[in-house]
Amino acid sequence: MLITYGFRTEEIGEQTKRQGMPAQNIYHFTDREKLHDLLSNLIKKDDTILIKGASKTNMFETVKFIDKKYGDN
């Protein structure tokens, strides 16, 4: 599954689709709340999640969201 976030990142998904990944496994967001809603429905125990983001997209907010929701408290 590929999830992109931010402006001008949808091309990553388009290229991934051209390389053969099914479109139903590719998501793109510019709204962080919608991204977090999807993550809330997708993430399961023992999943591996890789996050890469530029500091201007502030992906640390998503890392904190995941940690708060799924981390060992």
PDB file of N, CA and C in Angstrom:
ATOM      1  N   MET A   1       0.837  -1.165   0.000  1.00  0.00           N
ATOM      2  CA  MET A   1       0.000   0.000   0.000  1.00  0.00           C
ATOM      3  C   MET A   1       0.889   1.236   0.000  1.00  0.00           C
ATOM      4  N   LEU A   2       0.461   2.242  -0.725  1.00  0.00           N
ATOM      5  CA  LEU A   2       1.188   3.509  -0.776  1.00  0.00           C
ATOM      6  C   LEU A   2       0.226   4.629  -0.419  1.00  0.00           C
ATOM      7  N   ILE A   3       0.643   5.457   0.530  1.00  0.00           N
ATOM      8  CA  ILE A   3      -0.146   6.619   0.922  1.00  0.00           C
ATOM      9  C   ILE A   3       0.768   7.832   0.822  1.00  0.00           C
ATOM     10  N   THR A   4       0.345   8.826   0.050  1.00  0.00           N
ATOM     11  CA  THR A   4       1.122  10.064  -0.046  1.00  0.00           C
ATOM     12  C   THR A   4       0.324  11.194   0.585  1.00  0.00           C
ATOM     13  N   TYR A   5       1.054  12.193   1.051  1.00  0.00           N
ATOM     14  CA  TYR A   5       0.435  13.345   1.695  1.00  0.00           C
ATOM     15  C   TYR A   5       1.154  14.602   1.241  1.00  0.00           C
ATOM     16  N   GLY A   6       0.374  15.620   0.941  1.00  0.00           N
ATOM     17  CA  GLY A   6       0.951  16.914   0.615  1.00  0.00           C
ATOM     18  C   GLY A   6       0.714  17.297  -0.830  1.00  0.00           C
ATOM     19  N   PHE A   7       1.094  18.505  -1.119  1.00  0.00           N
ATOM     20  CA  PHE A   7       0.921  19.044  -2.459  1.00  0.00           C
ATOM     21  C   PHE A   7       2.040  18.554  -3.371  1.00  0.00           C
ATOM     22  N   ARG A   8       1.684  18.245  -4.584  1.00  0.00           N
ATOM     23  CA  ARG A   8       2.601  17.775  -5.625  1.00  0.00           C
ATOM     24  C   ARG A   8       3.226  16.418  -5.309  1.00  0.00           C
ATOM     25  N   THR A   9       2.580  15.615  -4.467  1.00  0.00           N
ATOM     26  CA  THR A   9       3.086  14.268  -4.202  1.00  0.00           C
ATOM     27  C   THR A   9       2.243  13.199  -4.891  1.00  0.00           C
ATOM     28  N   GLU A  10       1.140  13.600  -5.495  1.00  0.00           N
ATOM     29  CA  GLU A  10       0.284  12.618  -6.164  1.00  0.00           C
ATOM     30  C   GLU A  10       0.985  11.940  -7.340  1.00  0.00           C
ATOM     31  N   GLU A  11       2.006  12.574  -7.887  1.00  0.00           N
ATOM     32  CA  GLU A  11       2.767  11.966  -8.990  1.00  0.00           C
ATOM     33  C   GLU A  11       3.453  10.671  -8.543  1.00  0.00           C
ATOM     34  N   ILE A  12       3.813  10.574  -7.284  1.00  0.00           N
ATOM     35  CA  ILE A  12       4.415   9.345  -6.772  1.00  0.00           C
ATOM     36  C   ILE A  12       3.432   8.190  -6.967  1.00  0.00           C
ATOM     37  N   GLY A  13       2.182   8.415  -6.620  1.00  0.00           N
ATOM     38  CA  GLY A  13       1.154   7.397  -6.801  1.00  0.00           C
ATOM     39  C   GLY A  13       0.919   7.074  -8.256  1.00  0.00           C
ATOM     40  N   GLU A  14       0.932   8.087  -9.104  1.00  0.00           N
ATOM     41  CA  GLU A  14       0.733   7.856 -10.538  1.00  0.00           C
ATOM     42  C   GLU A  14       1.845   6.986 -11.110  1.00  0.00           C
ATOM     43  N   GLN A  15       3.069   7.275 -10.735  1.00  0.00           N
ATOM     44  CA  GLN A  15       4.198   6.466 -11.209  1.00  0.00           C
ATOM     45  C   GLN A  15       4.122   5.042 -10.664  1.00  0.00           C
ATOM     46  N   THR A  16       3.702   4.914  -9.423  1.00  0.00           N
ATOM     47  CA  THR A  16       3.568   3.586  -8.817  1.00  0.00           C
ATOM     48  C   THR A  16       2.507   2.774  -9.552  1.00  0.00           C
ATOM     49  N   LYS A  17       1.412   3.429  -9.914  1.00  0.00           N
ATOM     50  CA  LYS A  17       0.358   2.761 -10.679  1.00  0.00           C
ATOM     51  C   LYS A  17       0.888   2.306 -12.040  1.00  0.00           C
ATOM     52  N   ARG A  18       1.660   3.158 -12.687  1.00  0.00           N
ATOM     53  CA  ARG A  18       2.241   2.799 -13.990  1.00  0.00           C
ATOM     54  C   ARG A  18       3.175   1.602 -13.881  1.00  0.00           C
ATOM     55  N   GLN A  19       3.770   1.418 -12.709  1.00  0.00           N
ATOM     56  CA  GLN A  19       4.683   0.294 -12.489  1.00  0.00           C
ATOM     57  C   GLN A  19       3.949  -0.971 -12.062  1.00  0.00           C
ATOM     58  N   GLY A  20       2.631  -0.896 -11.933  1.00  0.00           N
ATOM     59  CA  GLY A  20       1.853  -2.103 -11.694  1.00  0.00           C
ATOM     60  C   GLY A  20       1.123  -2.225 -10.371  1.00  0.00           C
ATOM     61  N   MET A  21       1.280  -1.281  -9.454  1.00  0.00           N
ATOM     62  CA  MET A  21       0.535  -1.381  -8.204  1.00  0.00           C
ATOM     63  C   MET A  21      -0.940  -1.087  -8.480  1.00  0.00           C
ATOM     64  N   PRO A  22      -1.850  -1.900  -7.948  1.00  0.00           N
ATOM     65  CA  PRO A  22      -3.280  -1.661  -8.160  1.00  0.00           C
ATOM     66  C   PRO A  22      -3.717  -0.310  -7.587  1.00  0.00           C
ATOM     67  N   ALA A  23      -4.546   0.400  -8.337  1.00  0.00           N
ATOM     68  CA  ALA A  23      -5.005   1.729  -7.927  1.00  0.00           C
ATOM     69  C   ALA A  23      -5.697   1.712  -6.569  1.00  0.00           C
ATOM     70  N   GLN A  24      -6.376   0.609  -6.229  1.00  0.00           N
ATOM     71  CA  GLN A  24      -7.084   0.562  -4.947  1.00  0.00           C
ATOM     72  C   GLN A  24      -6.128   0.498  -3.755  1.00  0.00           C
ATOM     73  N   ASN A  25      -4.835   0.335  -4.002  1.00  0.00           N
ATOM     74  CA  ASN A  25      -3.834   0.315  -2.932  1.00  0.00           C
ATOM     75  C   ASN A  25      -3.051   1.620  -2.835  1.00  0.00           C
ATOM     76  N   ILE A  26      -3.498   2.641  -3.567  1.00  0.00           N
ATOM     77  CA  ILE A  26      -2.792   3.922  -3.606  1.00  0.00           C
ATOM     78  C   ILE A  26      -3.741   5.022  -3.128  1.00  0.00           C
ATOM     79  N   TYR A  27      -3.283   5.793  -2.150  1.00  0.00           N
ATOM     80  CA  TYR A  27      -4.079   6.876  -1.588  1.00  0.00           C
ATOM     81  C   TYR A  27      -3.251   8.152  -1.582  1.00  0.00           C
ATOM     82  N   HIS A  28      -3.933   9.279  -1.758  1.00  0.00           N
ATOM     83  CA  HIS A  28      -3.252  10.578  -1.708  1.00  0.00           C
ATOM     84  C   HIS A  28      -4.116  11.552  -0.905  1.00  0.00           C
ATOM     85  N   PHE A  29      -3.479  12.313  -0.040  1.00  0.00           N
ATOM     86  CA  PHE A  29      -4.196  13.267   0.800  1.00  0.00           C
ATOM     87  C   PHE A  29      -3.487  14.615   0.835  1.00  0.00           C
ATOM     88  N   THR A  30      -4.282  15.660   0.958  1.00  0.00           N
ATOM     89  CA  THR A  30      -3.767  16.986   1.290  1.00  0.00           C
ATOM     90  C   THR A  30      -4.385  17.454   2.607  1.00  0.00           C
ATOM     91  N   ASP A  31      -5.279  16.664   3.153  1.00  0.00           N
ATOM     92  CA  ASP A  31      -5.949  16.954   4.418  1.00  0.00           C
ATOM     93  C   ASP A  31      -5.473  15.943   5.467  1.00  0.00           C
ATOM     94  N   ARG A  32      -4.776  16.419   6.473  1.00  0.00           N
ATOM     95  CA  ARG A  32      -4.189  15.539   7.485  1.00  0.00           C
ATOM     96  C   ARG A  32      -5.260  14.762   8.257  1.00  0.00           C
ATOM     97  N   GLU A  33      -6.392  15.378   8.550  1.00  0.00           N
ATOM     98  CA  GLU A  33      -7.441  14.664   9.276  1.00  0.00           C
ATOM     99  C   GLU A  33      -7.967  13.475   8.473  1.00  0.00           C
ATOM    100  N   LYS A  34      -8.127  13.644   7.182  1.00  0.00           N
ATOM    101  CA  LYS A  34      -8.572  12.537   6.335  1.00  0.00           C
ATOM    102  C   LYS A  34      -7.505  11.444   6.277  1.00  0.00           C
ATOM    103  N   LEU A  35      -6.250  11.838   6.239  1.00  0.00           N
ATOM    104  CA  LEU A  35      -5.153  10.868   6.293  1.00  0.00           C
ATOM    105  C   LEU A  35      -5.229  10.071   7.589  1.00  0.00           C
ATOM    106  N   HIS A  36      -5.402  10.756   8.708  1.00  0.00           N
ATOM    107  CA  HIS A  36      -5.459  10.085   9.996  1.00  0.00           C
ATOM    108  C   HIS A  36      -6.692   9.192  10.107  1.00  0.00           C
ATOM    109  N   ASP A  37      -7.803   9.600   9.504  1.00  0.00           N
ATOM    110  CA  ASP A  37      -8.995   8.747   9.486  1.00  0.00           C
ATOM    111  C   ASP A  37      -8.705   7.438   8.764  1.00  0.00           C
ATOM    112  N   LEU A  38      -8.046   7.525   7.615  1.00  0.00           N
ATOM    113  CA  LEU A  38      -7.705   6.308   6.877  1.00  0.00           C
ATOM    114  C   LEU A  38      -6.772   5.432   7.704  1.00  0.00           C
ATOM    115  N   LEU A  39      -5.745   6.035   8.286  1.00  0.00           N
ATOM    116  CA  LEU A  39      -4.798   5.267   9.090  1.00  0.00           C
ATOM    117  C   LEU A  39      -5.503   4.569  10.249  1.00  0.00           C
ATOM    118  N   SER A  40      -6.474   5.242  10.855  1.00  0.00           N
ATOM    119  CA  SER A  40      -7.223   4.640  11.960  1.00  0.00           C
ATOM    120  C   SER A  40      -7.950   3.376  11.531  1.00  0.00           C
ATOM    121  N   ASN A  41      -8.367   3.333  10.284  1.00  0.00           N
ATOM    122  CA  ASN A  41      -9.092   2.174   9.766  1.00  0.00           C
ATOM    123  C   ASN A  41      -8.174   1.100   9.198  1.00  0.00           C
ATOM    124  N   LEU A  42      -6.943   1.441   8.899  1.00  0.00           N
ATOM    125  CA  LEU A  42      -6.035   0.502   8.242  1.00  0.00           C
ATOM    126  C   LEU A  42      -5.049  -0.191   9.178  1.00  0.00           C
ATOM    127  N   ILE A  43      -4.500   0.552  10.109  1.00  0.00           N
ATOM    128  CA  ILE A  43      -3.402   0.030  10.925  1.00  0.00           C
ATOM    129  C   ILE A  43      -3.902  -1.083  11.846  1.00  0.00           C
ATOM    130  N   LYS A  44      -3.174  -2.160  11.814  1.00  0.00           N
ATOM    131  CA  LYS A  44      -3.463  -3.318  12.670  1.00  0.00           C
ATOM    132  C   LYS A  44      -2.230  -3.639  13.516  1.00  0.00           C
ATOM    133  N   LYS A  45      -2.441  -4.382  14.582  1.00  0.00           N
ATOM    134  CA  LYS A  45      -1.349  -4.795  15.464  1.00  0.00           C
ATOM    135  C   LYS A  45      -0.256  -5.475  14.634  1.00  0.00           C
ATOM    136  N   ASP A  46       0.979  -5.158  14.938  1.00  0.00           N
ATOM    137  CA  ASP A  46       2.172  -5.729  14.310  1.00  0.00           C
ATOM    138  C   ASP A  46       2.406  -5.273  12.871  1.00  0.00           C
ATOM    139  N   ASP A  47       1.666  -4.278  12.376  1.00  0.00           N
ATOM    140  CA  ASP A  47       1.954  -3.712  11.053  1.00  0.00           C
ATOM    141  C   ASP A  47       3.291  -2.982  11.086  1.00  0.00           C
ATOM    142  N   THR A  48       3.952  -2.951   9.964  1.00  0.00           N
ATOM    143  CA  THR A  48       5.165  -2.154   9.792  1.00  0.00           C
ATOM    144  C   THR A  48       4.791  -0.944   8.957  1.00  0.00           C
ATOM    145  N   ILE A  49       5.137   0.239   9.434  1.00  0.00           N
ATOM    146  CA  ILE A  49       4.777   1.487   8.768  1.00  0.00           C
ATOM    147  C   ILE A  49       6.044   2.285   8.533  1.00  0.00           C
ATOM    148  N   LEU A  50       6.275   2.662   7.304  1.00  0.00           N
ATOM    149  CA  LEU A  50       7.420   3.510   6.959  1.00  0.00           C
ATOM    150  C   LEU A  50       6.891   4.896   6.614  1.00  0.00           C
ATOM    151  N   ILE A  51       7.457   5.914   7.230  1.00  0.00           N
ATOM    152  CA  ILE A  51       7.027   7.284   6.980  1.00  0.00           C
ATOM    153  C   ILE A  51       8.225   8.077   6.508  1.00  0.00           C
ATOM    154  N   LYS A  52       8.043   8.750   5.390  1.00  0.00           N
ATOM    155  CA  LYS A  52       9.080   9.632   4.852  1.00  0.00           C
ATOM    156  C   LYS A  52       8.403  10.946   4.522  1.00  0.00           C
ATOM    157  N   GLY A  53       8.915  12.021   5.017  1.00  0.00           N
ATOM    158  CA  GLY A  53       8.292  13.300   4.713  1.00  0.00           C
ATOM    159  C   GLY A  53       9.257  14.449   4.888  1.00  0.00           C
ATOM    160  N   ALA A  54       9.043  15.475   4.101  1.00  0.00           N
ATOM    161  CA  ALA A  54       9.815  16.706   4.233  1.00  0.00           C
ATOM    162  C   ALA A  54       9.365  17.433   5.496  1.00  0.00           C
ATOM    163  N   SER A  55      10.273  18.170   6.092  1.00  0.00           N
ATOM    164  CA  SER A  55       9.918  18.876   7.325  1.00  0.00           C
ATOM    165  C   SER A  55       8.775  19.869   7.095  1.00  0.00           C
ATOM    166  N   LYS A  56       8.640  20.399   5.898  1.00  0.00           N
ATOM    167  CA  LYS A  56       7.564  21.371   5.654  1.00  0.00           C
ATOM    168  C   LYS A  56       6.183  20.718   5.655  1.00  0.00           C
ATOM    169  N   THR A  57       6.109  19.389   5.465  1.00  0.00           N
ATOM    170  CA  THR A  57       4.814  18.715   5.560  1.00  0.00           C
ATOM    171  C   THR A  57       4.498  18.325   6.989  1.00  0.00           C
ATOM    172  N   ASN A  58       5.475  18.479   7.877  1.00  0.00           N
ATOM    173  CA  ASN A  58       5.305  18.212   9.298  1.00  0.00           C
ATOM    174  C   ASN A  58       4.743  16.809   9.554  1.00  0.00           C
ATOM    175  N   MET A  59       5.351  15.812   8.937  1.00  0.00           N
ATOM    176  CA  MET A  59       4.900  14.435   9.106  1.00  0.00           C
ATOM    177  C   MET A  59       5.067  13.949  10.537  1.00  0.00           C
ATOM    178  N   PHE A  60       5.827  14.685  11.337  1.00  0.00           N
ATOM    179  CA  PHE A  60       5.963  14.308  12.737  1.00  0.00           C
ATOM    180  C   PHE A  60       4.602  14.300  13.436  1.00  0.00           C
ATOM    181  N   GLU A  61       3.672  15.138  12.971  1.00  0.00           N
ATOM    182  CA  GLU A  61       2.318  15.133  13.537  1.00  0.00           C
ATOM    183  C   GLU A  61       1.647  13.781  13.316  1.00  0.00           C
ATOM    184  N   THR A  62       1.881  13.183  12.163  1.00  0.00           N
ATOM    185  CA  THR A  62       1.316  11.863  11.876  1.00  0.00           C
ATOM    186  C   THR A  62       2.024  10.792  12.687  1.00  0.00           C
ATOM    187  N   VAL A  63       3.311  10.909  12.852  1.00  0.00           N
ATOM    188  CA  VAL A  63       4.049   9.972  13.694  1.00  0.00           C
ATOM    189  C   VAL A  63       3.507  10.036  15.125  1.00  0.00           C
ATOM    190  N   LYS A  64       3.293  11.234  15.640  1.00  0.00           N
ATOM    191  CA  LYS A  64       2.749  11.388  16.991  1.00  0.00           C
ATOM    192  C   LYS A  64       1.336  10.798  17.074  1.00  0.00           C
ATOM    193  N   PHE A  65       0.517  11.006  16.035  1.00  0.00           N
ATOM    194  CA  PHE A  65      -0.833  10.447  15.996  1.00  0.00           C
ATOM    195  C   PHE A  65      -0.783   8.928  16.095  1.00  0.00           C
ATOM    196  N   ILE A  66       0.067   8.304  15.292  1.00  0.00           N
ATOM    197  CA  ILE A  66       0.185   6.843  15.291  1.00  0.00           C
ATOM    198  C   ILE A  66       0.694   6.350  16.643  1.00  0.00           C
ATOM    199  N   ASP A  67       1.700   7.024  17.185  1.00  0.00           N
ATOM    200  CA  ASP A  67       2.251   6.622  18.470  1.00  0.00           C
ATOM    201  C   ASP A  67       1.203   6.722  19.576  1.00  0.00           C
ATOM    202  N   LYS A  68       0.443   7.804  19.585  1.00  0.00           N
ATOM    203  CA  LYS A  68      -0.577   7.994  20.608  1.00  0.00           C
ATOM    204  C   LYS A  68      -1.672   6.937  20.492  1.00  0.00           C
ATOM    205  N   LYS A  69      -2.078   6.639  19.269  1.00  0.00           N
ATOM    206  CA  LYS A  69      -3.187   5.709  19.058  1.00  0.00           C
ATOM    207  C   LYS A  69      -2.763   4.244  19.226  1.00  0.00           C
ATOM    208  N   TYR A  70      -1.549   3.907  18.799  1.00  0.00           N
ATOM    209  CA  TYR A  70      -1.143   2.499  18.739  1.00  0.00           C
ATOM    210  C   TYR A  70       0.094   2.162  19.563  1.00  0.00           C
ATOM    211  N   GLY A  71       0.791   3.157  20.074  1.00  0.00           N
ATOM    212  CA  GLY A  71       2.040   2.889  20.800  1.00  0.00           C
ATOM    213  C   GLY A  71       1.798   2.203  22.122  1.00  0.00           C
ATOM    214  N   ASP A  72       2.857   1.632  22.644  1.00  0.00           N
ATOM    215  CA  ASP A  72       2.783   1.013  23.970  1.00  0.00           C
ATOM    216  C   ASP A  72       2.796   2.110  25.008  1.00  0.00           C
ATOM    217  N   ASN A  73       1.699   2.263  25.701  1.00  0.00           N
ATOM    218  CA  ASN A  73       1.587   3.316  26.709  1.00  0.00           C
ATOM    219  C   ASN A  73       1.882   2.808  28.078  1.00  0.00           C
TER     220      ASN A  73
END
